[in-house]
Amino acid sequence: MNLKSLSDRALNGLDAVGYQLDNLGITNKINRHSLIALMMAEQKHLEGEWDSLQARYGARFRQVEGLVGRVRGLIRA
């Protein structure tokens, strides 16, 4: 089963659950559109976290490079 058919089945199931809940008067906010919006928001959140981690890693890496350069300078002197 490929990813497209699997995702279509999952979204159809989600639509069915949302429809049944709506019939019971519980909520009408469970549907594929709200799920996709939630996934896109979380994707952006994770991208921001990844960028933050990369920035912190880069800053620390530059600090270590600076310290190594100073130590090398002291050794040569």
N, C-alpha and C. Protein backbone atom coordinates (compact mmCIF):
# COMPACT_ATOMS: atom_id res chain seq x y z
N MET A 1 0.85 -1.18 0.00
CA MET A 1 0.00 0.00 0.00
C MET A 1 0.90 1.24 0.00
N ASN A 2 0.66 2.13 -0.94
CA ASN A 2 1.52 3.31 -1.02
C ASN A 2 1.04 4.40 -0.06
N LEU A 3 1.85 5.41 0.09
CA LEU A 3 1.58 6.48 1.05
C LEU A 3 0.33 7.26 0.70
N LYS A 4 0.07 7.49 -0.57
CA LYS A 4 -1.11 8.25 -0.99
C LYS A 4 -2.39 7.54 -0.58
N SER A 5 -2.49 6.25 -0.87
CA SER A 5 -3.72 5.53 -0.52
C SER A 5 -3.85 5.39 0.99
N LEU A 6 -2.75 5.23 1.68
CA LEU A 6 -2.79 5.15 3.14
C LEU A 6 -3.27 6.46 3.75
N SER A 7 -2.74 7.57 3.26
CA SER A 7 -3.17 8.87 3.79
C SER A 7 -4.63 9.16 3.43
N ASP A 8 -5.07 8.74 2.24
CA ASP A 8 -6.48 8.92 1.86
C ASP A 8 -7.40 8.13 2.78
N ARG A 9 -7.02 6.91 3.09
CA ARG A 9 -7.83 6.09 4.00
C ARG A 9 -7.88 6.72 5.39
N ALA A 10 -6.74 7.21 5.87
CA ALA A 10 -6.71 7.84 7.20
C ALA A 10 -7.57 9.09 7.23
N LEU A 11 -7.49 9.92 6.18
CA LEU A 11 -8.29 11.14 6.14
C LEU A 11 -9.78 10.83 6.00
N ASN A 12 -10.12 9.81 5.23
CA ASN A 12 -11.52 9.40 5.12
C ASN A 12 -12.04 8.91 6.46
N GLY A 13 -11.22 8.17 7.18
CA GLY A 13 -11.61 7.72 8.51
C GLY A 13 -11.80 8.88 9.47
N LEU A 14 -10.92 9.85 9.37
CA LEU A 14 -11.04 11.05 10.21
C LEU A 14 -12.32 11.82 9.87
N ASP A 15 -12.64 11.92 8.60
CA ASP A 15 -13.88 12.58 8.19
C ASP A 15 -15.09 11.83 8.75
N ALA A 16 -15.03 10.50 8.71
CA ALA A 16 -16.14 9.70 9.21
C ALA A 16 -16.32 9.91 10.72
N VAL A 17 -15.23 9.94 11.45
CA VAL A 17 -15.31 10.18 12.90
C VAL A 17 -15.88 11.57 13.16
N GLY A 18 -15.41 12.56 12.44
CA GLY A 18 -15.92 13.91 12.60
C GLY A 18 -17.41 13.99 12.29
N TYR A 19 -17.84 13.28 11.26
CA TYR A 19 -19.25 13.27 10.88
C TYR A 19 -20.10 12.63 11.98
N GLN A 20 -19.63 11.50 12.51
CA GLN A 20 -20.38 10.82 13.57
C GLN A 20 -20.45 11.68 14.83
N LEU A 21 -19.36 12.33 15.19
CA LEU A 21 -19.37 13.21 16.35
C LEU A 21 -20.31 14.39 16.14
N ASP A 22 -20.32 14.90 14.92
CA ASP A 22 -21.21 16.01 14.60
C ASP A 22 -22.68 15.57 14.71
N ASN A 23 -22.97 14.37 14.27
CA ASN A 23 -24.33 13.84 14.39
C ASN A 23 -24.74 13.70 15.85
N LEU A 24 -23.77 13.38 16.71
CA LEU A 24 -24.06 13.25 18.14
C LEU A 24 -24.10 14.61 18.83
N GLY A 25 -23.76 15.65 18.11
CA GLY A 25 -23.78 17.00 18.68
C GLY A 25 -22.58 17.31 19.53
N ILE A 26 -21.50 16.53 19.41
CA ILE A 26 -20.33 16.74 20.25
C ILE A 26 -19.48 17.89 19.72
N THR A 27 -19.07 17.82 18.48
CA THR A 27 -18.26 18.87 17.90
C THR A 27 -18.27 18.75 16.38
N ASN A 28 -17.97 19.83 15.73
CA ASN A 28 -17.82 19.77 14.28
C ASN A 28 -16.43 20.25 13.88
N LYS A 29 -15.50 20.25 14.83
CA LYS A 29 -14.16 20.76 14.55
C LYS A 29 -13.17 19.67 14.20
N ILE A 30 -13.62 18.43 14.13
CA ILE A 30 -12.72 17.34 13.78
C ILE A 30 -12.95 17.00 12.32
N ASN A 31 -12.00 17.42 11.48
CA ASN A 31 -12.07 17.09 10.06
C ASN A 31 -10.66 17.17 9.49
N ARG A 32 -10.54 16.83 8.25
CA ARG A 32 -9.21 16.80 7.64
C ARG A 32 -8.57 18.17 7.56
N HIS A 33 -9.38 19.21 7.44
CA HIS A 33 -8.83 20.55 7.32
C HIS A 33 -8.19 21.01 8.64
N SER A 34 -8.86 20.72 9.74
CA SER A 34 -8.29 21.11 11.03
C SER A 34 -7.05 20.28 11.34
N LEU A 35 -7.06 19.00 10.95
CA LEU A 35 -5.88 18.16 11.17
C LEU A 35 -4.70 18.65 10.33
N ILE A 36 -4.95 18.99 9.08
CA ILE A 36 -3.88 19.49 8.21
C ILE A 36 -3.34 20.81 8.75
N ALA A 37 -4.23 21.68 9.22
CA ALA A 37 -3.78 22.95 9.78
C ALA A 37 -2.92 22.72 11.02
N LEU A 38 -3.33 21.77 11.86
CA LEU A 38 -2.54 21.45 13.06
C LEU A 38 -1.17 20.90 12.67
N MET A 39 -1.14 20.01 11.68
CA MET A 39 0.13 19.43 11.25
C MET A 39 1.05 20.49 10.66
N MET A 40 0.50 21.42 9.89
CA MET A 40 1.32 22.48 9.30
C MET A 40 1.87 23.40 10.38
N ALA A 41 1.05 23.71 11.38
CA ALA A 41 1.51 24.56 12.48
C ALA A 41 2.63 23.87 13.25
N GLU A 42 2.47 22.59 13.51
CA GLU A 42 3.51 21.85 14.22
C GLU A 42 4.78 21.73 13.38
N GLN A 43 4.62 21.59 12.07
CA GLN A 43 5.79 21.53 11.20
C GLN A 43 6.59 22.82 11.30
N LYS A 44 5.90 23.95 11.27
CA LYS A 44 6.59 25.24 11.39
C LYS A 44 7.24 25.38 12.75
N HIS A 45 6.56 24.89 13.79
CA HIS A 45 7.13 24.93 15.14
C HIS A 45 8.42 24.11 15.19
N LEU A 46 8.40 22.90 14.62
CA LEU A 46 9.59 22.06 14.62
C LEU A 46 10.70 22.66 13.77
N GLU A 47 10.35 23.30 12.66
CA GLU A 47 11.38 23.97 11.86
C GLU A 47 12.04 25.09 12.66
N GLY A 48 11.25 25.83 13.43
CA GLY A 48 11.81 26.88 14.27
C GLY A 48 12.72 26.32 15.34
N GLU A 49 12.32 25.22 15.95
CA GLU A 49 13.16 24.58 16.97
C GLU A 49 14.47 24.09 16.35
N TRP A 50 14.39 23.52 15.15
CA TRP A 50 15.59 23.03 14.46
C TRP A 50 16.54 24.19 14.16
N ASP A 51 16.00 25.30 13.67
CA ASP A 51 16.82 26.47 13.39
C ASP A 51 17.48 26.98 14.66
N SER A 52 16.75 26.97 15.77
CA SER A 52 17.29 27.42 17.04
C SER A 52 18.45 26.52 17.49
N LEU A 53 18.27 25.21 17.35
CA LEU A 53 19.34 24.28 17.71
C LEU A 53 20.57 24.47 16.83
N GLN A 54 20.35 24.69 15.55
CA GLN A 54 21.48 24.92 14.65
C GLN A 54 22.22 26.20 15.00
N ALA A 55 21.49 27.23 15.37
CA ALA A 55 22.12 28.50 15.74
C ALA A 55 22.95 28.33 17.01
N ARG A 56 22.38 27.61 18.00
CA ARG A 56 23.14 27.39 19.23
C ARG A 56 24.38 26.56 18.98
N TYR A 57 24.26 25.52 18.14
CA TYR A 57 25.40 24.68 17.81
C TYR A 57 26.47 25.51 17.10
N GLY A 58 26.05 26.35 16.17
CA GLY A 58 27.02 27.18 15.44
C GLY A 58 27.73 28.15 16.35
N ALA A 59 27.01 28.73 17.30
CA ALA A 59 27.63 29.68 18.24
C ALA A 59 28.66 28.96 19.11
N ARG A 60 28.29 27.81 19.62
CA ARG A 60 29.22 27.05 20.47
C ARG A 60 30.43 26.59 19.67
N PHE A 61 30.20 26.18 18.44
CA PHE A 61 31.29 25.73 17.59
C PHE A 61 32.28 26.87 17.35
N ARG A 62 31.79 28.08 17.12
CA ARG A 62 32.67 29.23 16.92
C ARG A 62 33.43 29.57 18.20
N GLN A 63 32.78 29.41 19.36
CA GLN A 63 33.47 29.65 20.62
C GLN A 63 34.63 28.67 20.80
N VAL A 64 34.37 27.42 20.51
CA VAL A 64 35.41 26.40 20.65
C VAL A 64 36.54 26.68 19.66
N GLU A 65 36.21 27.04 18.44
CA GLU A 65 37.25 27.37 17.47
C GLU A 65 38.10 28.54 17.96
N GLY A 66 37.47 29.54 18.55
CA GLY A 66 38.21 30.68 19.09
C GLY A 66 39.14 30.27 20.21
N LEU A 67 38.67 29.42 21.10
CA LEU A 67 39.51 28.94 22.20
C LEU A 67 40.68 28.11 21.68
N VAL A 68 40.42 27.28 20.70
CA VAL A 68 41.49 26.47 20.12
C VAL A 68 42.53 27.38 19.47
N GLY A 69 42.08 28.42 18.78
CA GLY A 69 43.01 29.36 18.16
C GLY A 69 43.86 30.07 19.20
N ARG A 70 43.25 30.47 20.32
CA ARG A 70 44.02 31.12 21.39
C ARG A 70 45.05 30.18 22.00
N VAL A 71 44.64 28.93 22.21
CA VAL A 71 45.57 27.95 22.79
C VAL A 71 46.72 27.71 21.82
N ARG A 72 46.45 27.59 20.56
CA ARG A 72 47.51 27.40 19.57
C ARG A 72 48.46 28.61 19.55
N GLY A 73 47.87 29.79 19.69
CA GLY A 73 48.70 30.98 19.75
C GLY A 73 49.60 31.01 20.97
N LEU A 74 49.08 30.56 22.10
CA LEU A 74 49.90 30.48 23.31
C LEU A 74 50.99 29.44 23.20
N ILE A 75 50.67 28.34 22.54
CA ILE A 75 51.67 27.27 22.38
C ILE A 75 52.79 27.73 21.47
N ARG A 76 52.48 28.48 20.42
CA ARG A 76 53.48 28.94 19.47
C ARG A 76 54.36 30.05 20.05
N ALA A 77 53.81 30.77 21.02
CA ALA A 77 54.54 31.91 21.55
C ALA A 77 55.62 31.53 22.51
